[in-house]
Amino acid sequence: MNRILVTVFLLTQFSAVTVASNKDTSTKTLNGAIFTGVDKEIHYKEKLKIKDISNDVVTFDLNTEADYADIGEVCEGEIEDGKGKLVKNQIVFEGQEGCSIVMHLSKTRDRVSITDNNCNYYHGANCDFGGKNLKLNR
């Protein structure tokens, strides 16, 4: 009976260490990561830089730019030193004036797609951060 309890205890402790180690590794690989996207047809560029991850809080910069030559407009948007919460494979940001952004990380963490809602404060009415499939460029 004692041998079985000791074995179960050791297996439980080993599993806990393994899980913690995997989490640390996955967040460390995102530190300093730069994701970019370009669409030459509509002349847009977007860049997400993960600056730091600490206690599941992600500090990031997010920039978008589009050149609408047909109507003579350029739109730009930017968030500097944004702070989002890392929840599973998502970074969730709540900003000024009701802005919410969810950055969906692929399972391999080499791509990001972004959904934004009500973020005109950061990019104006003609721009957005959403819908892009950004690739890791580290």
Protein backbone atom coordinates (compact mmCIF):
# COMPACT_ATOMS: atom_id res chain seq x y z
CA MET A 1 0.00 0.00 0.00
CA ASN A 2 2.77 2.47 0.87
CA ARG A 3 4.58 1.79 -2.42
CA ILE A 4 1.49 2.65 -4.46
CA LEU A 5 0.97 5.96 -2.64
CA VAL A 6 4.60 6.97 -3.09
CA THR A 7 4.49 6.14 -6.80
CA VAL A 8 1.29 8.16 -7.31
CA PHE A 9 2.79 11.09 -5.38
CA LEU A 10 5.97 11.05 -7.46
CA LEU A 11 4.06 10.84 -10.74
CA THR A 12 1.84 13.74 -9.69
CA GLN A 13 4.85 15.90 -8.79
CA PHE A 14 6.63 15.04 -12.06
CA SER A 15 3.54 15.97 -14.11
CA ALA A 16 3.19 19.31 -12.36
CA VAL A 17 6.82 20.19 -13.09
CA THR A 18 6.44 19.17 -16.74
CA VAL A 19 3.34 21.33 -17.23
CA ALA A 20 4.98 24.37 -15.63
CA SER A 21 8.05 23.86 -17.78
CA ASN A 22 5.98 23.68 -20.99
CA LYS A 23 4.16 26.89 -20.13
CA ASP A 24 7.39 28.76 -19.45
CA THR A 25 8.88 27.59 -22.74
CA SER A 26 5.87 28.65 -24.82
CA THR A 27 5.68 32.13 -23.33
CA LYS A 28 9.45 32.64 -23.60
CA THR A 29 9.29 31.91 -27.33
CA LEU A 30 6.83 34.81 -27.72
CA ASN A 31 9.02 37.37 -25.94
CA GLY A 32 10.45 39.63 -28.63
CA ALA A 33 8.39 37.99 -31.39
CA ILE A 34 7.46 40.18 -34.36
CA PHE A 35 4.48 39.24 -36.54
CA THR A 36 3.88 41.05 -39.83
CA GLY A 37 1.37 41.04 -42.64
CA VAL A 38 1.33 42.76 -46.03
CA ASP A 39 -1.32 42.86 -48.72
CA LYS A 40 0.04 44.49 -51.88
CA GLU A 41 -3.38 44.59 -53.56
CA ILE A 42 -4.91 46.90 -50.96
CA HIS A 43 -1.57 48.38 -49.88
CA TYR A 44 -1.80 47.49 -46.21
CA LYS A 45 0.91 46.65 -43.68
CA GLU A 46 0.47 45.46 -40.13
CA LYS A 47 2.96 44.67 -37.39
CA LEU A 48 2.57 43.15 -33.93
CA LYS A 49 5.58 43.12 -31.62
CA ILE A 50 5.42 41.15 -28.37
CA LYS A 51 7.67 43.14 -26.05
CA ASP A 52 7.29 41.20 -22.80
CA ILE A 53 5.22 38.54 -21.09
CA SER A 54 5.10 38.51 -17.31
CA ASN A 55 2.48 36.74 -15.16
CA ASP A 56 0.27 36.25 -18.25
CA VAL A 57 0.28 40.00 -19.01
CA VAL A 58 1.54 40.71 -22.52
CA THR A 59 3.08 44.09 -23.39
CA PHE A 60 2.88 44.75 -27.13
CA ASP A 61 3.02 47.31 -29.93
CA LEU A 62 0.46 47.05 -32.76
CA ASN A 63 0.64 49.15 -35.94
CA THR A 64 -1.47 49.17 -39.09
CA GLU A 65 -1.25 51.25 -42.25
CA ALA A 66 -3.23 51.26 -45.49
CA ASP A 67 -2.93 53.44 -48.57
CA TYR A 68 -6.24 53.89 -50.37
CA ALA A 69 -4.79 55.48 -53.52
CA ASP A 70 -8.12 55.29 -55.37
CA ILE A 71 -9.69 57.73 -52.89
CA GLY A 72 -6.49 59.55 -51.94
CA GLU A 73 -6.43 58.49 -48.28
CA VAL A 74 -3.91 56.89 -46.00
CA CYS A 75 -5.03 55.42 -42.72
CA GLU A 76 -2.82 54.55 -39.80
CA GLY A 77 -3.37 53.05 -36.40
CA GLU A 78 -1.14 52.33 -33.46
CA ILE A 79 -1.12 51.01 -29.93
CA GLU A 80 2.18 51.44 -28.08
CA ASP A 81 2.93 49.52 -24.89
CA GLY A 82 -0.52 47.94 -24.89
CA LYS A 83 -1.18 45.47 -22.07
CA GLY A 84 -3.22 42.37 -22.81
CA LYS A 85 -4.06 39.23 -20.87
CA LEU A 86 -2.70 35.92 -22.18
CA VAL A 87 -5.50 33.35 -22.01
CA LYS A 88 -4.64 30.02 -23.63
CA ASN A 89 -3.77 30.93 -27.24
CA GLN A 90 -5.27 34.42 -27.13
CA ILE A 91 -4.08 37.84 -26.08
CA VAL A 92 -7.06 39.93 -24.95
CA PHE A 93 -6.73 43.73 -24.86
CA GLU A 94 -9.32 46.16 -23.47
CA GLY A 95 -8.50 49.75 -24.42
CA GLN A 96 -9.84 53.29 -24.49
CA GLU A 97 -13.47 54.09 -25.38
CA GLY A 98 -14.64 50.48 -25.28
CA CYS A 99 -12.01 49.10 -27.68
CA SER A 100 -11.50 45.35 -27.47
CA ILE A 101 -8.92 43.35 -29.42
CA VAL A 102 -8.39 39.61 -29.42
CA MET A 103 -5.17 38.32 -30.96
CA HIS A 104 -5.62 34.63 -31.80
CA LEU A 105 -2.31 32.72 -31.78
CA SER A 106 -2.01 29.58 -33.90
CA LYS A 107 -1.23 26.37 -31.99
CA THR A 108 2.35 26.56 -33.25
CA ARG A 109 2.46 30.27 -32.34
CA ASP A 110 3.86 31.24 -35.73
CA ARG A 111 0.71 33.11 -36.91
CA VAL A 112 -1.71 35.59 -35.40
CA SER A 113 -5.16 36.66 -36.56
CA ILE A 114 -6.72 39.71 -34.97
CA THR A 115 -10.29 40.67 -34.18
CA ASP A 116 -10.99 44.24 -33.11
CA ASN A 117 -14.17 45.94 -32.03
CA ASN A 118 -14.84 49.65 -31.49
CA CYS A 119 -11.18 50.74 -31.77
CA ASN A 120 -11.57 53.96 -33.77
CA TYR A 121 -9.79 55.77 -30.93
CA TYR A 122 -6.56 54.07 -32.08
CA HIS A 123 -6.97 53.93 -35.87
CA GLY A 124 -9.83 56.15 -36.99
CA ALA A 125 -12.97 55.12 -38.85
CA ASN A 126 -11.28 54.02 -42.10
CA CYS A 127 -8.73 51.61 -40.59
CA ASP A 128 -8.80 48.54 -38.41
CA PHE A 129 -6.54 45.99 -36.77
CA GLY A 130 -8.79 43.03 -37.49
CA GLY A 131 -8.87 40.13 -39.89
CA LYS A 132 -5.19 39.94 -40.71
CA ASN A 133 -3.21 36.71 -40.75
CA LEU A 134 0.20 37.84 -39.52
CA LYS A 135 3.27 35.62 -39.84
CA LEU A 136 6.12 35.30 -37.35
CA ASN A 137 9.21 37.10 -38.70
CA ARG A 138 11.62 36.80 -35.82
